[in-house]
């Protein structure tokens, strides 16, 4: 996920910033949006100036308090982590074999659609009727094998290793995979019951889809990020804008192959200072050199489509940052699961990291709350976010238009001109925090029972 840098502006107090945002953004949200049905009531707007009116189902869902080694995807240690994750996985397999079969078959089929092509997905559909019983028994062992061979294989074929995966330890990553399969088997069982076609995983995983979806469904005062152009098989549909922008894959995340290009009008070049870029990769490009980089990077293999989006700017006093809102729909209506504020690491424009200085929200007064990472200096605690109430309500309303998804994590930048929506993440949503589910057995049991309440 790409965040946005902060341009220098005149200093303002927190109270002045809050007043400006309340007047320029929230007042617009209070009026029903024409034709999209997501406008907010005046009562909701009045409450938003005092705090966040909707309370989260699980406020510390993102929290990893007291877990300084969580960056390596380990919580209680090798054996305790493994016991907890495998217990959850095999408990689901043997206690609910029918649920597991239908959910896992649909999950793996959707995964093939998402990471491959439509043709591959059509082949995988009937194939997983045969393979799923074996995968039910062997997934934890397959995960260990995959973790052992993936890094050297990616390196051998020249695939950029995502920044978020670099600090992994072997069993931490393996347990992470098993945990994801467990949770998304439960998620996908809901999609099975709704007769949701797995091919939708292609559409709903595309940043192009989310840009269009936001444009059609956001309330007044909120907008999607500006999509300049689309890259298809290494070719740009149109011209590269003479502006600062982000290039990122149309599908996928993890911060890999995301590049920030800052336009230098005086010298006629683009600058890229991203610390994520590969060794030996250029820092300055002419327009023609950038076209060549795009062709070389997004031509062939799984990387054939990308989007070029405007580099949005967070408002003062926020640094390079975004907010992530997690919404949850187990049965009928979406709820707020949790929300956090994510400043990017120093020098980076990406928030796709595990060791972010993550903050919860104070729902009572609508401010940024306590940080949940041990290294935090807590300097953003208490900053007012009066537009957050409207952001959460917009996310809830949009999730209700996509009821087959159990969880959606929404990435939003708070700008001087109101909230700007980057994307929704559906597979896996909030995966960088999902190990929190397995910090305590009660966490997993809570979500499992919610999703199996009618089984």
Protein backbone atom coordinates (compact mmCIF):
# COMPACT_ATOMS: atom_id res chain seq x y z
CA UNK A 1 0.00 0.00 0.00
CA UNK A 2 1.39 3.38 -0.96
CA UNK A 3 0.96 6.33 1.34
CA UNK A 4 1.54 9.95 0.46
CA UNK A 5 4.18 12.46 1.45
CA UNK A 6 3.49 15.65 3.28
CA UNK A 7 4.07 18.89 1.40
CA UNK A 8 5.23 21.88 3.46
CA UNK A 9 2.34 24.13 4.44
CA UNK A 10 1.86 26.86 7.00
CA UNK A 11 1.83 25.59 10.56
CA UNK A 12 -1.57 25.29 12.22
CA UNK A 13 -2.78 24.17 15.60
CA UNK A 14 -4.70 20.93 16.01
CA UNK A 15 -7.84 22.96 16.76
CA UNK A 16 -7.48 25.00 13.55
CA UNK A 17 -6.97 21.87 11.49
CA UNK A 18 -10.01 20.23 13.06
CA UNK A 19 -12.16 23.28 12.37
CA UNK A 20 -11.08 23.43 8.73
CA UNK A 21 -11.71 19.75 8.08
CA UNK A 22 -15.05 19.84 9.86
CA UNK A 23 -16.21 22.76 7.71
CA UNK A 24 -14.78 21.64 4.36
CA UNK A 25 -15.37 17.89 4.50
CA UNK A 26 -17.82 16.77 7.13
CA UNK A 27 -20.47 19.33 6.26
CA UNK A 28 -20.49 17.92 2.74
CA UNK A 29 -20.90 14.41 4.07
CA UNK A 30 -23.91 15.48 6.08
CA UNK A 31 -25.89 15.98 2.88
CA UNK A 32 -27.10 12.86 1.09
CA UNK A 33 -24.96 12.08 -1.94
CA UNK A 34 -26.93 12.14 -5.16
CA UNK A 35 -27.52 8.74 -6.65
CA UNK A 36 -25.26 6.63 -4.43
CA UNK A 37 -27.23 6.19 -1.22
CA UNK A 38 -24.25 6.61 1.11
CA UNK A 39 -24.83 10.17 2.37
CA UNK A 40 -24.76 10.76 6.10
CA UNK A 41 -27.45 12.31 8.27
CA UNK A 42 -27.09 15.68 9.99
CA UNK A 43 -27.31 13.89 13.33
CA UNK A 44 -24.32 11.75 12.34
CA UNK A 45 -22.36 14.86 11.36
CA UNK A 46 -23.09 16.52 14.69
CA UNK A 47 -21.81 13.47 16.52
CA UNK A 48 -18.68 13.29 14.39
CA UNK A 49 -17.45 16.64 15.68
CA UNK A 50 -17.50 15.16 19.19
CA UNK A 51 -16.21 11.71 18.44
CA UNK A 52 -16.70 8.56 16.41
CA UNK A 53 -20.28 7.41 16.83
CA UNK A 54 -19.83 3.81 15.69
CA UNK A 55 -18.02 1.60 18.18
CA UNK A 56 -15.67 -1.17 17.02
CA UNK A 57 -16.46 -4.83 17.51
CA UNK A 58 -12.81 -5.55 18.31
CA UNK A 59 -10.92 -2.29 19.07
CA UNK A 60 -7.47 -3.84 19.46
CA UNK A 61 -7.79 -6.26 16.53
CA UNK A 62 -4.64 -4.72 15.06
CA UNK A 63 -2.75 -4.57 18.34
CA UNK A 64 0.39 -6.52 19.04
CA UNK A 65 0.96 -5.15 22.52
CA UNK A 66 3.77 -6.86 24.37
CA UNK A 67 4.88 -8.72 21.25
CA UNK A 68 8.23 -7.17 20.27
CA UNK A 69 9.09 -10.15 18.05
CA UNK A 70 5.83 -9.97 16.06
CA UNK A 71 7.74 -8.39 13.20
CA UNK A 72 9.17 -11.87 12.63
CA UNK A 73 5.69 -13.41 12.75
CA UNK A 74 6.30 -15.18 16.03
CA UNK A 75 4.33 -14.50 19.18
CA UNK A 76 4.68 -17.10 21.91
CA UNK A 77 7.63 -18.97 20.45
CA UNK A 78 8.12 -21.67 17.84
CA UNK A 79 6.23 -24.54 19.47
CA UNK A 80 3.42 -22.57 21.14
CA UNK A 81 2.67 -20.66 17.94
CA UNK A 82 2.67 -23.84 15.90
CA UNK A 83 0.45 -25.68 18.38
CA UNK A 84 -2.12 -22.86 18.40
CA UNK A 85 -2.25 -22.39 14.62
CA UNK A 86 -2.30 -26.10 13.80
CA UNK A 87 -4.92 -26.70 16.48
CA UNK A 88 -7.15 -24.10 14.85
CA UNK A 89 -6.57 -25.50 11.39
CA UNK A 90 -7.03 -29.21 12.10
CA UNK A 91 -9.85 -28.49 14.56
CA UNK A 92 -11.75 -26.90 11.68
CA UNK A 93 -10.88 -29.74 9.30
CA UNK A 94 -12.02 -32.57 11.57
CA UNK A 95 -14.92 -30.87 13.38
CA UNK A 96 -16.40 -29.24 10.27
CA UNK A 97 -15.21 -31.27 7.26
CA UNK A 98 -18.05 -30.18 4.95
CA UNK A 99 -17.52 -26.51 5.80
CA UNK A 100 -13.78 -26.96 5.28
CA UNK A 101 -14.19 -28.73 1.94
CA UNK A 102 -16.48 -26.13 0.39
CA UNK A 103 -14.65 -23.18 1.91
CA UNK A 104 -11.14 -24.38 1.06
CA UNK A 105 -12.08 -25.43 -2.46
CA UNK A 106 -13.53 -22.00 -3.15
CA UNK A 107 -10.60 -20.22 -1.48
CA UNK A 108 -7.95 -22.04 -3.51
CA UNK A 109 -9.93 -21.57 -6.71
CA UNK A 110 -10.25 -17.83 -6.00
CA UNK A 111 -6.53 -17.68 -5.25
CA UNK A 112 -5.71 -19.19 -8.65
CA UNK A 113 -7.98 -16.65 -10.34
CA UNK A 114 -6.37 -13.82 -8.40
CA UNK A 115 -2.73 -14.82 -8.96
CA UNK A 116 -3.12 -16.36 -12.41
CA UNK A 117 -5.48 -15.92 -15.33
CA UNK A 118 -9.14 -16.54 -16.02
CA UNK A 119 -8.23 -19.63 -18.04
CA UNK A 120 -6.19 -21.03 -15.14
CA UNK A 121 -9.09 -20.40 -12.77
CA UNK A 122 -11.52 -22.28 -14.98
CA UNK A 123 -9.20 -25.28 -15.01
CA UNK A 124 -8.61 -25.07 -11.26
CA UNK A 125 -12.33 -25.11 -10.41
CA UNK A 126 -13.03 -28.78 -11.20
CA UNK A 127 -9.46 -29.77 -10.30
CA UNK A 128 -9.89 -28.62 -6.72
CA UNK A 129 -12.86 -30.94 -6.28
CA UNK A 130 -10.23 -33.67 -6.42
CA UNK A 131 -7.32 -31.90 -4.71
CA UNK A 132 -9.12 -30.28 -1.77
CA UNK A 133 -9.41 -33.44 0.40
CA UNK A 134 -5.63 -33.86 0.12
CA UNK A 135 -5.04 -30.18 0.82
CA UNK A 136 -7.23 -30.45 3.90
CA UNK A 137 -4.82 -32.99 5.32
CA UNK A 138 -1.52 -31.60 4.04
CA UNK A 139 -1.74 -27.78 3.95
CA UNK A 140 0.52 -27.15 7.02
CA UNK A 141 3.22 -29.39 5.55
CA UNK A 142 2.86 -27.86 2.09
CA UNK A 143 3.26 -24.45 3.73
CA UNK A 144 6.59 -25.43 5.28
CA UNK A 145 7.81 -26.72 1.92
CA UNK A 146 6.70 -23.53 0.17
CA UNK A 147 8.49 -21.31 2.69
CA UNK A 148 11.67 -23.32 2.25
CA UNK A 149 11.77 -23.01 -1.55
CA UNK A 150 10.04 -19.67 -2.27
CA UNK A 151 12.83 -17.18 -1.40
CA UNK A 152 15.61 -18.85 -3.43
CA UNK A 153 13.20 -19.52 -6.29
CA UNK A 154 12.06 -15.87 -6.42
CA UNK A 155 15.68 -14.73 -6.36
CA UNK A 156 16.67 -17.12 -9.15
CA UNK A 157 14.02 -15.81 -11.55
CA UNK A 158 14.55 -12.15 -10.65
CA UNK A 159 11.28 -11.48 -8.82
CA UNK A 160 11.43 -8.62 -6.33
CA UNK A 161 11.01 -9.88 -2.79
CA UNK A 162 8.29 -7.84 -1.03
CA UNK A 163 9.57 -5.57 1.72
CA UNK A 164 7.00 -6.93 4.17
CA UNK A 165 8.37 -10.48 3.79
CA UNK A 166 12.04 -9.72 4.33
CA UNK A 167 12.23 -10.07 8.13
CA UNK A 168 10.45 -13.44 8.26
CA UNK A 169 11.61 -16.46 10.21
CA UNK A 170 10.91 -19.88 8.77
CA UNK A 171 8.19 -21.17 11.08
CA UNK A 172 6.70 -17.72 11.56
CA UNK A 173 5.99 -17.45 7.83
CA UNK A 174 4.79 -21.05 7.64
CA UNK A 175 2.34 -20.56 10.50
CA UNK A 176 1.23 -17.30 8.91
CA UNK A 177 0.24 -19.19 5.74
CA UNK A 178 -1.66 -21.84 7.70
CA UNK A 179 -3.45 -19.14 9.66
CA UNK A 180 -4.49 -17.42 6.43
CA UNK A 181 -5.82 -20.64 4.93
CA UNK A 182 -7.79 -21.29 8.12
CA UNK A 183 -9.39 -17.86 8.19
CA UNK A 184 -10.11 -17.68 4.48
CA UNK A 185 -11.58 -21.15 4.43
CA UNK A 186 -14.14 -19.75 6.88
CA UNK A 187 -14.56 -16.61 4.79
CA UNK A 188 -14.98 -18.56 1.57
CA UNK A 189 -17.59 -20.84 3.07
CA UNK A 190 -19.82 -17.77 3.34
CA UNK A 191 -19.18 -17.11 -0.34
CA UNK A 192 -20.08 -20.72 -1.09
CA UNK A 193 -23.39 -20.33 0.72
CA UNK A 194 -24.09 -17.14 -1.24
CA UNK A 195 -23.16 -18.90 -4.49
CA UNK A 196 -20.46 -16.29 -5.12
CA UNK A 197 -18.48 -17.11 -8.26
CA UNK A 198 -14.72 -17.40 -7.50
CA UNK A 199 -13.99 -15.53 -10.73
CA UNK A 200 -15.02 -12.38 -8.86
CA UNK A 201 -11.67 -12.62 -7.07
CA UNK A 202 -10.04 -11.24 -10.23
CA UNK A 203 -12.34 -8.25 -10.46
CA UNK A 204 -12.44 -7.39 -6.77
CA UNK A 205 -8.66 -7.67 -6.38
CA UNK A 206 -7.99 -5.03 -9.01
CA UNK A 207 -7.14 -1.46 -8.06
CA UNK A 208 -8.98 -0.44 -11.22
CA UNK A 209 -12.16 -2.00 -9.82
CA UNK A 210 -11.78 -0.13 -6.52
CA UNK A 211 -11.22 3.19 -8.21
CA UNK A 212 -14.44 2.76 -10.20
CA UNK A 213 -16.32 1.43 -7.16
CA UNK A 214 -15.31 4.42 -5.04
CA UNK A 215 -16.24 6.87 -7.78
CA UNK A 216 -19.75 5.42 -7.88
CA UNK A 217 -20.39 4.91 -4.16
CA UNK A 218 -18.58 7.52 -2.09
CA UNK A 219 -20.54 10.37 -0.45
CA UNK A 220 -19.97 14.02 -1.19
CA UNK A 221 -16.70 15.34 0.21
CA UNK A 222 -14.96 11.98 -0.24
CA UNK A 223 -13.26 10.83 -3.43
CA UNK A 224 -11.17 8.08 -5.00
CA UNK A 225 -7.54 8.74 -5.78
CA UNK A 226 -6.96 10.09 -9.28
CA UNK A 227 -6.11 7.35 -11.75
CA UNK A 228 -3.97 8.85 -14.52
CA UNK A 229 -3.52 5.83 -16.75
CA UNK A 230 -3.33 2.04 -16.90
CA UNK A 231 -0.30 0.01 -17.96
CA UNK A 232 -1.08 -3.15 -19.92
CA UNK A 233 1.66 -5.63 -20.84
CA UNK A 234 4.33 -2.97 -20.45
CA UNK A 235 2.53 -0.36 -22.55
CA UNK A 236 1.06 2.86 -21.21
CA UNK A 237 -2.47 3.69 -22.31
CA UNK A 238 -1.86 7.36 -22.96
CA UNK A 239 0.98 9.60 -21.83
CA UNK A 240 2.98 9.58 -18.62
CA UNK A 241 1.71 12.61 -16.68
CA UNK A 242 4.10 15.45 -15.93
CA UNK A 243 3.20 15.22 -12.28
CA UNK A 244 4.17 13.29 -9.14
CA UNK A 245 2.55 9.87 -9.08
CA UNK A 246 2.69 6.28 -7.87
CA UNK A 247 3.14 3.25 -10.12
CA UNK A 248 1.77 0.05 -8.62
CA UNK A 249 0.55 -3.36 -9.80
CA UNK A 250 -3.16 -3.47 -10.59
CA UNK A 251 -3.40 -6.53 -8.33
CA UNK A 252 -1.31 -7.63 -5.39
CA UNK A 253 0.29 -5.70 -2.61
CA UNK A 254 3.03 -6.07 -0.07
CA UNK A 255 4.79 -2.95 -1.29
CA UNK A 256 6.63 -4.74 -4.08
CA UNK A 257 7.07 -2.96 -7.42
CA UNK A 258 5.46 0.19 -6.02
CA UNK A 259 7.44 3.21 -7.10
CA UNK A 260 6.98 6.90 -6.30
CA UNK A 261 7.91 9.26 -9.13
CA UNK A 262 8.33 12.95 -8.33
CA UNK A 263 8.29 15.26 -11.35
CA UNK A 264 11.10 17.81 -11.63
CA UNK A 265 9.75 20.44 -14.03
CA UNK A 266 12.98 22.43 -14.19
CA UNK A 267 15.13 19.49 -15.30
CA UNK A 268 12.44 17.51 -17.09
CA UNK A 269 13.03 14.29 -15.14
CA UNK A 270 11.35 12.07 -12.58
CA UNK A 271 13.03 11.33 -9.24
CA UNK A 272 12.53 8.06 -7.37
CA UNK A 273 14.00 7.92 -3.87
CA UNK A 274 12.06 4.91 -2.59
CA UNK A 275 14.22 2.82 -0.23
CA UNK A 276 12.34 -0.25 -1.51
CA UNK A 277 13.83 -0.02 -5.01
CA UNK A 278 16.28 -2.71 -6.03
CA UNK A 279 20.09 -2.36 -5.80
CA UNK A 280 21.42 -0.62 -8.89
CA UNK A 281 18.00 0.75 -9.83
CA UNK A 282 18.05 4.32 -11.12
CA UNK A 283 16.98 7.30 -9.03
CA UNK A 284 16.36 9.67 -11.95
CA UNK A 285 14.47 9.01 -15.18
CA UNK A 286 13.73 10.98 -18.28
CA UNK A 287 10.23 10.28 -19.63
CA UNK A 288 11.71 7.89 -22.21
CA UNK A 289 13.81 6.10 -19.57
CA UNK A 290 10.76 5.71 -17.37
CA UNK A 291 8.80 4.21 -20.28
CA UNK A 292 11.58 1.65 -20.70
CA UNK A 293 11.54 0.81 -16.97
CA UNK A 294 7.78 0.32 -17.11
CA UNK A 295 8.09 -1.93 -20.16
CA UNK A 296 10.84 -4.02 -18.55
CA UNK A 297 9.01 -4.30 -15.21
CA UNK A 298 5.44 -4.86 -16.34
CA UNK A 299 5.97 -7.00 -19.40
CA UNK A 300 5.45 -10.74 -19.19
CA UNK A 301 4.91 -13.13 -16.30
CA UNK A 302 2.34 -12.26 -13.65
CA UNK A 303 3.09 -8.52 -13.81
CA UNK A 304 1.28 -7.33 -16.89
CA UNK A 305 -1.05 -4.64 -15.54
CA UNK A 306 -0.40 -1.61 -13.37
CA UNK A 307 -1.98 1.71 -12.55
CA UNK A 308 -0.49 5.19 -12.42
CA UNK A 309 -2.16 7.17 -9.64
CA UNK A 310 -1.71 10.70 -8.38
CA UNK A 311 0.58 11.01 -5.37
CA UNK A 312 -1.90 12.19 -2.77
CA UNK A 313 -0.73 14.44 0.07
CA UNK A 314 -1.68 13.93 3.71
CA UNK A 315 -2.82 17.01 5.60
CA UNK A 316 -0.94 18.63 8.44
CA UNK A 317 0.02 17.56 11.06
CA UNK A 318 0.18 14.05 9.61
CA UNK A 319 3.41 12.63 8.20
CA UNK A 320 3.46 10.20 5.27
CA UNK A 321 0.51 8.10 6.36
CA UNK A 322 -2.90 6.58 5.81
CA UNK A 323 -5.71 5.15 7.89
CA UNK A 324 -6.89 1.58 7.63
CA UNK A 325 -10.51 0.79 8.44
CA UNK A 326 -11.41 -2.88 8.87
CA UNK A 327 -15.08 -3.74 8.40
CA UNK A 328 -16.63 -7.12 9.17
CA UNK A 329 -19.76 -8.81 7.83
CA UNK A 330 -20.43 -12.23 9.29
CA UNK A 331 -24.09 -12.49 8.36
CA UNK A 332 -26.41 -9.56 7.59
CA UNK A 333 -24.85 -6.12 8.00
CA UNK A 334 -21.30 -4.84 8.06
CA UNK A 335 -19.80 -3.66 11.34
CA UNK A 336 -16.70 -1.75 12.28
CA UNK A 337 -14.11 -4.29 13.37
CA UNK A 338 -11.27 -1.87 14.06
CA UNK A 339 -9.44 1.15 12.68
CA UNK A 340 -5.84 2.33 12.91
CA UNK A 341 -3.62 5.19 11.83
CA UNK A 342 -0.46 4.13 9.96
CA UNK A 343 2.53 6.46 9.62
CA UNK A 344 5.04 5.16 7.08
CA UNK A 345 8.61 4.37 8.17
CA UNK A 346 11.09 7.22 8.00
CA UNK A 347 12.15 7.92 4.42
CA UNK A 348 9.52 5.67 2.83
CA UNK A 349 6.28 6.38 1.01
CA UNK A 350 4.90 2.89 1.66
CA UNK A 351 2.93 1.63 4.65
CA UNK A 352 3.32 -2.03 3.63
CA UNK A 353 5.44 -2.98 6.61
CA UNK A 354 5.00 -5.08 9.73
CA UNK A 355 6.77 -2.75 12.14
CA UNK A 356 4.68 0.36 11.52
CA UNK A 357 4.22 2.88 14.29
CA UNK A 358 0.56 1.91 14.47
CA UNK A 359 -2.01 3.94 16.45
CA UNK A 360 -5.51 2.99 17.55
CA UNK A 361 -8.30 5.60 17.57
CA UNK A 362 -9.96 7.25 20.53
CA UNK A 363 -13.62 6.80 19.62
CA UNK A 364 -14.93 8.99 22.41
CA UNK A 365 -13.37 12.27 21.25
CA UNK A 366 -12.44 11.42 17.63
CA UNK A 367 -8.69 11.72 18.06
CA UNK A 368 -5.71 9.48 17.35
CA UNK A 369 -5.32 7.23 20.37
CA UNK A 370 -2.56 5.16 21.88
CA UNK A 371 0.24 3.66 19.80
CA UNK A 372 0.46 -0.11 19.89
CA UNK A 373 4.07 -0.67 18.86
CA UNK A 374 6.81 -0.75 21.52
CA UNK A 375 9.11 1.61 19.61
CA UNK A 376 6.51 4.39 19.23
CA UNK A 377 7.14 7.86 20.64
CA UNK A 378 3.38 8.49 20.70
CA UNK A 379 3.73 11.99 19.27
CA UNK A 380 0.50 11.74 17.21
CA UNK A 381 -1.70 10.73 20.14
CA UNK A 382 -4.42 13.33 20.68
CA UNK A 383 -4.43 14.77 17.14
CA UNK A 384 -8.09 15.36 16.15
CA UNK A 385 -9.51 13.46 13.18
CA UNK A 386 -13.03 14.89 12.82
CA UNK A 387 -13.49 13.37 9.35
CA UNK A 388 -13.00 9.84 10.71
CA UNK A 389 -16.64 9.33 11.61
CA UNK A 390 -17.67 9.98 8.00
CA UNK A 391 -14.90 7.72 6.68
CA UNK A 392 -16.07 4.82 8.83
CA UNK A 393 -19.70 5.27 7.82
CA UNK A 394 -18.73 5.38 4.14
CA UNK A 395 -16.74 2.15 4.53
CA UNK A 396 -19.64 0.41 6.28
CA UNK A 397 -22.07 1.50 3.54
CA UNK A 398 -19.72 0.30 0.80
CA UNK A 399 -19.12 -3.04 2.51
CA UNK A 400 -22.86 -3.63 2.57
CA UNK A 401 -22.79 -3.42 -1.22
CA UNK A 402 -20.26 -6.30 -1.22
CA UNK A 403 -21.83 -8.72 1.30
CA UNK A 404 -19.93 -11.82 0.14
CA UNK A 405 -16.72 -10.43 1.64
CA UNK A 406 -16.38 -11.17 5.34
CA UNK A 407 -13.65 -8.60 5.94
CA UNK A 408 -12.55 -5.61 3.91
CA UNK A 409 -9.71 -3.31 4.90
CA UNK A 410 -10.00 0.17 3.43
CA UNK A 411 -6.95 2.36 2.83
CA UNK A 412 -7.70 6.07 3.11
CA UNK A 413 -5.53 9.20 3.09
CA UNK A 414 -6.69 12.24 5.04
CA UNK A 415 -5.99 15.29 2.88
CA UNK A 416 -6.68 19.02 3.11
CA UNK A 417 -9.57 18.52 0.69
CA UNK A 418 -11.19 15.59 2.49
CA UNK A 419 -10.67 11.82 2.62
CA UNK A 420 -9.13 10.13 -0.43
CA UNK A 421 -9.70 6.37 -0.86
CA UNK A 422 -6.90 4.25 -2.31
CA UNK A 423 -8.32 0.72 -2.33
CA UNK A 424 -10.16 -2.01 -0.49
CA UNK A 425 -8.28 -5.19 0.40
CA UNK A 426 -10.25 -8.42 0.26
CA UNK A 427 -7.76 -11.27 -0.09
CA UNK A 428 -6.18 -11.26 2.35
CA UNK A 429 -7.62 -8.21 4.07
CA UNK A 430 -5.49 -6.91 6.87
CA UNK A 431 -3.27 -9.96 6.52
CA UNK A 432 -0.36 -8.04 8.02
CA UNK A 433 -2.26 -8.02 11.31
CA UNK A 434 -4.10 -11.30 11.21
CA UNK A 435 -1.64 -13.13 13.44
CA UNK A 436 -3.24 -11.08 16.22
CA UNK A 437 -6.17 -13.46 15.84
CA UNK A 438 -3.95 -16.26 17.12
CA UNK A 439 -2.33 -14.38 20.00
CA UNK A 440 -5.04 -15.88 22.18
CA UNK A 441 -7.18 -18.93 21.46
CA UNK A 442 -10.26 -16.91 22.41
CA UNK A 443 -9.56 -14.52 19.52
CA UNK A 444 -9.77 -17.25 16.89
CA UNK A 445 -12.72 -18.93 18.60
CA UNK A 446 -14.65 -15.64 18.58
CA UNK A 447 -14.30 -15.17 14.81
CA UNK A 448 -14.84 -18.87 14.05
CA UNK A 449 -18.06 -19.00 16.05
CA UNK A 450 -19.34 -15.78 14.45
CA UNK A 451 -18.80 -17.22 10.98
CA UNK A 452 -20.26 -20.64 11.83
CA UNK A 453 -23.23 -19.35 13.82
CA UNK A 454 -25.75 -20.91 11.42
CA UNK A 455 -23.87 -24.15 10.74
